[in-house]
Amino acid sequence: MGTARRLSKSDVERLMNDYDRDPVAALSRAIATVLGRGNDDDWAALVAAAPIDDTVRAALLARDQRALDALARDLNELRTFR
């Protein structure tokens, strides 16, 4: 378990650089950083732990592209959860 923190500029750059190739892996790293969790947590565990609305959570778990894009946008702009 690490320390929860906002994403740094380099974290955001990595998220954006890796997003097109593998959105779930890129978002998983970013979520783990914001939550202070290990990078070995799986997608479902990270999404379950995130402070997000249940509707958004369900869309992320279903890997809905619009939900993934919205989360990437929020993490890019806010460097944390909305």
PDB file of N, CA and C in Angstrom:
ATOM      1  N   MET A   1       0.850  -1.176   0.000  1.00  0.00           N
ATOM      2  CA  MET A   1       0.000   0.000   0.000  1.00  0.00           C
ATOM      3  C   MET A   1       0.889   1.231   0.000  1.00  0.00           C
ATOM      4  N   GLY A   2       0.593   2.176  -0.883  1.00  0.00           N
ATOM      5  CA  GLY A   2       1.377   3.398  -0.969  1.00  0.00           C
ATOM      6  C   GLY A   2       0.644   4.555  -0.314  1.00  0.00           C
ATOM      7  N   THR A   3       1.077   5.741  -0.664  1.00  0.00           N
ATOM      8  CA  THR A   3       0.463   6.947  -0.140  1.00  0.00           C
ATOM      9  C   THR A   3      -0.473   7.525  -1.199  1.00  0.00           C
ATOM     10  N   ALA A   4      -1.713   7.786  -0.813  1.00  0.00           N
ATOM     11  CA  ALA A   4      -2.669   8.395  -1.736  1.00  0.00           C
ATOM     12  C   ALA A   4      -2.202   9.811  -2.064  1.00  0.00           C
ATOM     13  N   ARG A   5      -2.312  10.180  -3.325  1.00  0.00           N
ATOM     14  CA  ARG A   5      -1.902  11.523  -3.737  1.00  0.00           C
ATOM     15  C   ARG A   5      -2.517  11.876  -5.083  1.00  0.00           C
ATOM     16  N   ARG A   6      -2.496  13.156  -5.373  1.00  0.00           N
ATOM     17  CA  ARG A   6      -2.916  13.614  -6.694  1.00  0.00           C
ATOM     18  C   ARG A   6      -1.871  13.161  -7.709  1.00  0.00           C
ATOM     19  N   LEU A   7      -2.285  13.027  -8.947  1.00  0.00           N
ATOM     20  CA  LEU A   7      -1.358  12.652 -10.000  1.00  0.00           C
ATOM     21  C   LEU A   7      -0.380  13.795 -10.271  1.00  0.00           C
ATOM     22  N   SER A   8       0.859  13.452 -10.484  1.00  0.00           N
ATOM     23  CA  SER A   8       1.868  14.437 -10.860  1.00  0.00           C
ATOM     24  C   SER A   8       1.786  14.667 -12.370  1.00  0.00           C
ATOM     25  N   LYS A   9       2.530  15.648 -12.843  1.00  0.00           N
ATOM     26  CA  LYS A   9       2.580  15.912 -14.281  1.00  0.00           C
ATOM     27  C   LYS A   9       3.074  14.672 -15.025  1.00  0.00           C
ATOM     28  N   SER A  10       4.089  14.003 -14.499  1.00  0.00           N
ATOM     29  CA  SER A  10       4.608  12.809 -15.180  1.00  0.00           C
ATOM     30  C   SER A  10       3.612  11.661 -15.134  1.00  0.00           C
ATOM     31  N   ASP A  11       2.827  11.546 -14.052  1.00  0.00           N
ATOM     32  CA  ASP A  11       1.768  10.525 -13.990  1.00  0.00           C
ATOM     33  C   ASP A  11       0.740  10.758 -15.088  1.00  0.00           C
ATOM     34  N   VAL A  12       0.341  12.003 -15.259  1.00  0.00           N
ATOM     35  CA  VAL A  12      -0.661  12.358 -16.276  1.00  0.00           C
ATOM     36  C   VAL A  12      -0.098  12.121 -17.667  1.00  0.00           C
ATOM     37  N   GLU A  13       1.161  12.469 -17.881  1.00  0.00           N
ATOM     38  CA  GLU A  13       1.778  12.235 -19.187  1.00  0.00           C
ATOM     39  C   GLU A  13       1.804  10.741 -19.500  1.00  0.00           C
ATOM     40  N   ARG A  14       2.135   9.925 -18.519  1.00  0.00           N
ATOM     41  CA  ARG A  14       2.149   8.474 -18.737  1.00  0.00           C
ATOM     42  C   ARG A  14       0.736   7.965 -19.039  1.00  0.00           C
ATOM     43  N   LEU A  15      -0.247   8.443 -18.274  1.00  0.00           N
ATOM     44  CA  LEU A  15      -1.637   8.056 -18.513  1.00  0.00           C
ATOM     45  C   LEU A  15      -2.034   8.366 -19.950  1.00  0.00           C
ATOM     46  N   MET A  16      -1.768   9.576 -20.388  1.00  0.00           N
ATOM     47  CA  MET A  16      -2.186   9.986 -21.728  1.00  0.00           C
ATOM     48  C   MET A  16      -1.393   9.242 -22.814  1.00  0.00           C
ATOM     49  N   ASN A  17      -0.114   9.017 -22.584  1.00  0.00           N
ATOM     50  CA  ASN A  17       0.709   8.301 -23.573  1.00  0.00           C
ATOM     51  C   ASN A  17       0.286   6.848 -23.722  1.00  0.00           C
ATOM     52  N   ASP A  18      -0.125   6.206 -22.626  1.00  0.00           N
ATOM     53  CA  ASP A  18      -0.464   4.781 -22.643  1.00  0.00           C
ATOM     54  C   ASP A  18      -1.940   4.509 -22.902  1.00  0.00           C
ATOM     55  N   TYR A  19      -2.776   5.534 -22.813  1.00  0.00           N
ATOM     56  CA  TYR A  19      -4.226   5.349 -22.854  1.00  0.00           C
ATOM     57  C   TYR A  19      -4.712   4.697 -24.146  1.00  0.00           C
ATOM     58  N   ASP A  20      -4.250   5.163 -25.285  1.00  0.00           N
ATOM     59  CA  ASP A  20      -4.740   4.615 -26.566  1.00  0.00           C
ATOM     60  C   ASP A  20      -4.370   3.148 -26.739  1.00  0.00           C
ATOM     61  N   ARG A  21      -3.208   2.771 -26.252  1.00  0.00           N
ATOM     62  CA  ARG A  21      -2.751   1.382 -26.407  1.00  0.00           C
ATOM     63  C   ARG A  21      -3.527   0.446 -25.495  1.00  0.00           C
ATOM     64  N   ASP A  22      -3.737   0.846 -24.232  1.00  0.00           N
ATOM     65  CA  ASP A  22      -4.426  -0.019 -23.261  1.00  0.00           C
ATOM     66  C   ASP A  22      -5.086   0.852 -22.190  1.00  0.00           C
ATOM     67  N   PRO A  23      -6.319   1.323 -22.453  1.00  0.00           N
ATOM     68  CA  PRO A  23      -6.974   2.251 -21.532  1.00  0.00           C
ATOM     69  C   PRO A  23      -7.118   1.711 -20.110  1.00  0.00           C
ATOM     70  N   VAL A  24      -7.468   0.442 -19.971  1.00  0.00           N
ATOM     71  CA  VAL A  24      -7.682  -0.112 -18.633  1.00  0.00           C
ATOM     72  C   VAL A  24      -6.369  -0.154 -17.846  1.00  0.00           C
ATOM     73  N   ALA A  25      -5.290  -0.556 -18.466  1.00  0.00           N
ATOM     74  CA  ALA A  25      -3.998  -0.595 -17.771  1.00  0.00           C
ATOM     75  C   ALA A  25      -3.546   0.815 -17.397  1.00  0.00           C
ATOM     76  N   ALA A  26      -3.710   1.769 -18.313  1.00  0.00           N
ATOM     77  CA  ALA A  26      -3.309   3.148 -18.039  1.00  0.00           C
ATOM     78  C   ALA A  26      -4.134   3.733 -16.900  1.00  0.00           C
ATOM     79  N   LEU A  27      -5.432   3.519 -16.939  1.00  0.00           N
ATOM     80  CA  LEU A  27      -6.298   4.031 -15.872  1.00  0.00           C
ATOM     81  C   LEU A  27      -6.046   3.302 -14.559  1.00  0.00           C
ATOM     82  N   SER A  28      -5.753   2.021 -14.623  1.00  0.00           N
ATOM     83  CA  SER A  28      -5.468   1.262 -13.401  1.00  0.00           C
ATOM     84  C   SER A  28      -4.283   1.852 -12.659  1.00  0.00           C
ATOM     85  N   ARG A  29      -3.209   2.173 -13.390  1.00  0.00           N
ATOM     86  CA  ARG A  29      -2.037   2.785 -12.752  1.00  0.00           C
ATOM     87  C   ARG A  29      -2.397   4.114 -12.121  1.00  0.00           C
ATOM     88  N   ALA A  30      -3.166   4.925 -12.840  1.00  0.00           N
ATOM     89  CA  ALA A  30      -3.543   6.245 -12.331  1.00  0.00           C
ATOM     90  C   ALA A  30      -4.447   6.128 -11.099  1.00  0.00           C
ATOM     91  N   ILE A  31      -5.434   5.251 -11.155  1.00  0.00           N
ATOM     92  CA  ILE A  31      -6.339   5.052 -10.013  1.00  0.00           C
ATOM     93  C   ILE A  31      -5.550   4.557  -8.807  1.00  0.00           C
ATOM     94  N   ALA A  32      -4.656   3.603  -9.015  1.00  0.00           N
ATOM     95  CA  ALA A  32      -3.845   3.063  -7.919  1.00  0.00           C
ATOM     96  C   ALA A  32      -3.038   4.179  -7.262  1.00  0.00           C
ATOM     97  N   THR A  33      -2.498   5.077  -8.059  1.00  0.00           N
ATOM     98  CA  THR A  33      -1.719   6.192  -7.528  1.00  0.00           C
ATOM     99  C   THR A  33      -2.593   7.110  -6.679  1.00  0.00           C
ATOM    100  N   VAL A  34      -3.740   7.491  -7.214  1.00  0.00           N
ATOM    101  CA  VAL A  34      -4.637   8.411  -6.494  1.00  0.00           C
ATOM    102  C   VAL A  34      -5.153   7.784  -5.197  1.00  0.00           C
ATOM    103  N   LEU A  35      -5.401   6.486  -5.226  1.00  0.00           N
ATOM    104  CA  LEU A  35      -5.920   5.803  -4.035  1.00  0.00           C
ATOM    105  C   LEU A  35      -4.822   5.344  -3.080  1.00  0.00           C
ATOM    106  N   GLY A  36      -3.570   5.392  -3.533  1.00  0.00           N
ATOM    107  CA  GLY A  36      -2.481   4.901  -2.701  1.00  0.00           C
ATOM    108  C   GLY A  36      -2.462   3.379  -2.620  1.00  0.00           C
ATOM    109  N   ARG A  37      -2.900   2.739  -3.684  1.00  0.00           N
ATOM    110  CA  ARG A  37      -2.961   1.276  -3.744  1.00  0.00           C
ATOM    111  C   ARG A  37      -1.796   0.751  -4.562  1.00  0.00           C
ATOM    112  N   GLY A  38      -1.557  -0.536  -4.434  1.00  0.00           N
ATOM    113  CA  GLY A  38      -0.495  -1.169  -5.205  1.00  0.00           C
ATOM    114  C   GLY A  38      -0.885  -1.349  -6.648  1.00  0.00           C
ATOM    115  N   ASN A  39       0.101  -1.372  -7.521  1.00  0.00           N
ATOM    116  CA  ASN A  39      -0.162  -1.563  -8.949  1.00  0.00           C
ATOM    117  C   ASN A  39      -0.561  -2.989  -9.277  1.00  0.00           C
ATOM    118  N   ASP A  40      -0.537  -3.872  -8.277  1.00  0.00           N
ATOM    119  CA  ASP A  40      -0.924  -5.260  -8.528  1.00  0.00           C
ATOM    120  C   ASP A  40      -2.421  -5.486  -8.321  1.00  0.00           C
ATOM    121  N   ASP A  41      -3.150  -4.453  -7.860  1.00  0.00           N
ATOM    122  CA  ASP A  41      -4.604  -4.583  -7.716  1.00  0.00           C
ATOM    123  C   ASP A  41      -5.234  -4.685  -9.097  1.00  0.00           C
ATOM    124  N   ASP A  42      -6.257  -5.519  -9.226  1.00  0.00           N
ATOM    125  CA  ASP A  42      -6.896  -5.657 -10.530  1.00  0.00           C
ATOM    126  C   ASP A  42      -7.916  -4.543 -10.753  1.00  0.00           C
ATOM    127  N   TRP A  43      -8.361  -4.431 -11.997  1.00  0.00           N
ATOM    128  CA  TRP A  43      -9.279  -3.383 -12.424  1.00  0.00           C
ATOM    129  C   TRP A  43     -10.532  -3.326 -11.551  1.00  0.00           C
ATOM    130  N   ALA A  44     -11.149  -4.471 -11.317  1.00  0.00           N
ATOM    131  CA  ALA A  44     -12.392  -4.495 -10.537  1.00  0.00           C
ATOM    132  C   ALA A  44     -12.171  -3.978  -9.120  1.00  0.00           C
ATOM    133  N   ALA A  45     -11.079  -4.359  -8.491  1.00  0.00           N
ATOM    134  CA  ALA A  45     -10.787  -3.907  -7.119  1.00  0.00           C
ATOM    135  C   ALA A  45     -10.526  -2.406  -7.084  1.00  0.00           C
ATOM    136  N   LEU A  46      -9.812  -1.900  -8.064  1.00  0.00           N
ATOM    137  CA  LEU A  46      -9.532  -0.464  -8.107  1.00  0.00           C
ATOM    138  C   LEU A  46     -10.806   0.340  -8.342  1.00  0.00           C
ATOM    139  N   VAL A  47     -11.624  -0.105  -9.284  1.00  0.00           N
ATOM    140  CA  VAL A  47     -12.875   0.605  -9.570  1.00  0.00           C
ATOM    141  C   VAL A  47     -13.808   0.531  -8.356  1.00  0.00           C
ATOM    142  N   ALA A  48     -13.836  -0.604  -7.683  1.00  0.00           N
ATOM    143  CA  ALA A  48     -14.678  -0.747  -6.487  1.00  0.00           C
ATOM    144  C   ALA A  48     -14.244   0.207  -5.381  1.00  0.00           C
ATOM    145  N   ALA A  49     -12.952   0.466  -5.288  1.00  0.00           N
ATOM    146  CA  ALA A  49     -12.420   1.326  -4.223  1.00  0.00           C
ATOM    147  C   ALA A  49     -12.498   2.814  -4.558  1.00  0.00           C
ATOM    148  N   ALA A  50     -12.724   3.132  -5.808  1.00  0.00           N
ATOM    149  CA  ALA A  50     -12.744   4.533  -6.239  1.00  0.00           C
ATOM    150  C   ALA A  50     -13.987   5.253  -5.724  1.00  0.00           C
ATOM    151  N   PRO A  51     -13.830   6.516  -5.341  1.00  0.00           N
ATOM    152  CA  PRO A  51     -14.966   7.306  -4.855  1.00  0.00           C
ATOM    153  C   PRO A  51     -15.777   7.872  -6.024  1.00  0.00           C
ATOM    154  N   ILE A  52     -16.530   6.976  -6.659  1.00  0.00           N
ATOM    155  CA  ILE A  52     -17.321   7.364  -7.829  1.00  0.00           C
ATOM    156  C   ILE A  52     -18.750   6.857  -7.672  1.00  0.00           C
ATOM    157  N   ASP A  53     -19.622   7.422  -8.459  1.00  0.00           N
ATOM    158  CA  ASP A  53     -21.031   7.051  -8.493  1.00  0.00           C
ATOM    159  C   ASP A  53     -21.180   5.601  -8.960  1.00  0.00           C
ATOM    160  N   ASP A  54     -22.176   4.902  -8.427  1.00  0.00           N
ATOM    161  CA  ASP A  54     -22.391   3.496  -8.791  1.00  0.00           C
ATOM    162  C   ASP A  54     -22.684   3.299 -10.276  1.00  0.00           C
ATOM    163  N   THR A  55     -23.343   4.254 -10.896  1.00  0.00           N
ATOM    164  CA  THR A  55     -23.626   4.163 -12.330  1.00  0.00           C
ATOM    165  C   THR A  55     -22.327   4.238 -13.131  1.00  0.00           C
ATOM    166  N   VAL A  56     -21.462   5.154 -12.733  1.00  0.00           N
ATOM    167  CA  VAL A  56     -20.157   5.283 -13.382  1.00  0.00           C
ATOM    168  C   VAL A  56     -19.334   4.028 -13.124  1.00  0.00           C
ATOM    169  N   ARG A  57     -19.377   3.532 -11.906  1.00  0.00           N
ATOM    170  CA  ARG A  57     -18.643   2.310 -11.551  1.00  0.00           C
ATOM    171  C   ARG A  57     -19.065   1.144 -12.458  1.00  0.00           C
ATOM    172  N   ALA A  58     -20.371   0.982 -12.639  1.00  0.00           N
ATOM    173  CA  ALA A  58     -20.872  -0.106 -13.489  1.00  0.00           C
ATOM    174  C   ALA A  58     -20.387   0.061 -14.929  1.00  0.00           C
ATOM    175  N   ALA A  59     -20.402   1.286 -15.422  1.00  0.00           N
ATOM    176  CA  ALA A  59     -19.944   1.534 -16.795  1.00  0.00           C
ATOM    177  C   ALA A  59     -18.449   1.250 -16.931  1.00  0.00           C
ATOM    178  N   LEU A  60     -17.675   1.628 -15.934  1.00  0.00           N
ATOM    179  CA  LEU A  60     -16.238   1.349 -15.970  1.00  0.00           C
ATOM    180  C   LEU A  60     -15.966  -0.145 -15.918  1.00  0.00           C
ATOM    181  N   LEU A  61     -16.692  -0.846 -15.075  1.00  0.00           N
ATOM    182  CA  LEU A  61     -16.503  -2.297 -14.978  1.00  0.00           C
ATOM    183  C   LEU A  61     -16.870  -2.992 -16.290  1.00  0.00           C
ATOM    184  N   ALA A  62     -17.839  -2.431 -17.008  1.00  0.00           N
ATOM    185  CA  ALA A  62     -18.238  -2.964 -18.314  1.00  0.00           C
ATOM    186  C   ALA A  62     -17.287  -2.494 -19.423  1.00  0.00           C
ATOM    187  N   ARG A  63     -16.334  -1.648 -19.040  1.00  0.00           N
ATOM    188  CA  ARG A  63     -15.338  -1.098 -19.969  1.00  0.00           C
ATOM    189  C   ARG A  63     -15.987  -0.287 -21.089  1.00  0.00           C
ATOM    190  N   ASP A  64     -17.036   0.442 -20.693  1.00  0.00           N
ATOM    191  CA  ASP A  64     -17.723   1.346 -21.617  1.00  0.00           C
ATOM    192  C   ASP A  64     -16.751   2.454 -22.029  1.00  0.00           C
ATOM    193  N   GLN A  65     -16.554   2.624 -23.325  1.00  0.00           N
ATOM    194  CA  GLN A  65     -15.541   3.565 -23.817  1.00  0.00           C
ATOM    195  C   GLN A  65     -15.807   4.994 -23.370  1.00  0.00           C
ATOM    196  N   ARG A  66     -17.059   5.411 -23.347  1.00  0.00           N
ATOM    197  CA  ARG A  66     -17.364   6.783 -22.914  1.00  0.00           C
ATOM    198  C   ARG A  66     -17.004   6.992 -21.457  1.00  0.00           C
ATOM    199  N   ALA A  67     -17.255   5.992 -20.606  1.00  0.00           N
ATOM    200  CA  ALA A  67     -16.908   6.095 -19.194  1.00  0.00           C
ATOM    201  C   ALA A  67     -15.392   6.105 -19.003  1.00  0.00           C
ATOM    202  N   LEU A  68     -14.694   5.266 -19.760  1.00  0.00           N
ATOM    203  CA  LEU A  68     -13.225   5.250 -19.690  1.00  0.00           C
ATOM    204  C   LEU A  68     -12.659   6.600 -20.120  1.00  0.00           C
ATOM    205  N   ASP A  69     -13.179   7.135 -21.214  1.00  0.00           N
ATOM    206  CA  ASP A  69     -12.715   8.436 -21.711  1.00  0.00           C
ATOM    207  C   ASP A  69     -12.983   9.549 -20.702  1.00  0.00           C
ATOM    208  N   ALA A  70     -14.159   9.519 -20.080  1.00  0.00           N
ATOM    209  CA  ALA A  70     -14.511  10.550 -19.099  1.00  0.00           C
ATOM    210  C   ALA A  70     -13.590  10.479 -17.882  1.00  0.00           C
ATOM    211  N   LEU A  71     -13.282   9.280 -17.427  1.00  0.00           N
ATOM    212  CA  LEU A  71     -12.380   9.147 -16.283  1.00  0.00           C
ATOM    213  C   LEU A  71     -10.974   9.619 -16.663  1.00  0.00           C
ATOM    214  N   ALA A  72     -10.509   9.263 -17.844  1.00  0.00           N
ATOM    215  CA  ALA A  72      -9.188   9.721 -18.289  1.00  0.00           C
ATOM    216  C   ALA A  72      -9.158  11.248 -18.367  1.00  0.00           C
ATOM    217  N   ARG A  73     -10.215  11.838 -18.887  1.00  0.00           N
ATOM    218  CA  ARG A  73     -10.296  13.307 -18.968  1.00  0.00           C
ATOM    219  C   ARG A  73     -10.243  13.930 -17.580  1.00  0.00           C
ATOM    220  N   ASP A  74     -11.038  13.379 -16.639  1.00  0.00           N
ATOM    221  CA  ASP A  74     -11.046  13.919 -15.272  1.00  0.00           C
ATOM    222  C   ASP A  74      -9.683  13.788 -14.610  1.00  0.00           C
ATOM    223  N   LEU A  75      -9.067  12.632 -14.750  1.00  0.00           N
ATOM    224  CA  LEU A  75      -7.759  12.436 -14.131  1.00  0.00           C
ATOM    225  C   LEU A  75      -6.707  13.329 -14.781  1.00  0.00           C
ATOM    226  N   ASN A  76      -6.836  13.579 -16.063  1.00  0.00           N
ATOM    227  CA  ASN A  76      -5.920  14.479 -16.758  1.00  0.00           C
ATOM    228  C   ASN A  76      -6.101  15.917 -16.270  1.00  0.00           C
ATOM    229  N   GLU A  77      -7.337  16.358 -16.177  1.00  0.00           N
ATOM    230  CA  GLU A  77      -7.611  17.754 -15.820  1.00  0.00           C
ATOM    231  C   GLU A  77      -7.479  18.020 -14.325  1.00  0.00           C
ATOM    232  N   LEU A  78      -8.044  17.134 -13.516  1.00  0.00           N
ATOM    233  CA  LEU A  78      -8.118  17.371 -12.066  1.00  0.00           C
ATOM    234  C   LEU A  78      -6.990  16.707 -11.286  1.00  0.00           C
ATOM    235  N   ARG A  79      -6.402  15.676 -11.898  1.00  0.00           N
ATOM    236  CA  ARG A  79      -5.349  14.868 -11.262  1.00  0.00           C
ATOM    237  C   ARG A  79      -5.836  14.098 -10.040  1.00  0.00           C
ATOM    238  N   THR A  80      -7.148  13.971  -9.948  1.00  0.00           N
ATOM    239  CA  THR A  80      -7.793  13.192  -8.897  1.00  0.00           C
ATOM    240  C   THR A  80      -9.220  12.915  -9.359  1.00  0.00           C
ATOM    241  N   PHE A  81     -10.033  12.344  -8.484  1.00  0.00           N
ATOM    242  CA  PHE A  81     -11.424  12.064  -8.850  1.00  0.00           C
ATOM    243  C   PHE A  81     -12.276  13.305  -8.706  1.00  0.00           C
ATOM    244  N   ARG A  82     -13.301  13.395  -9.527  1.00  0.00           N
ATOM    245  CA  ARG A  82     -14.245  14.517  -9.496  1.00  0.00           C
ATOM    246  C   ARG A  82     -15.040  14.470  -8.224  1.00  0.00           C
TER     247      ARG A  82
END
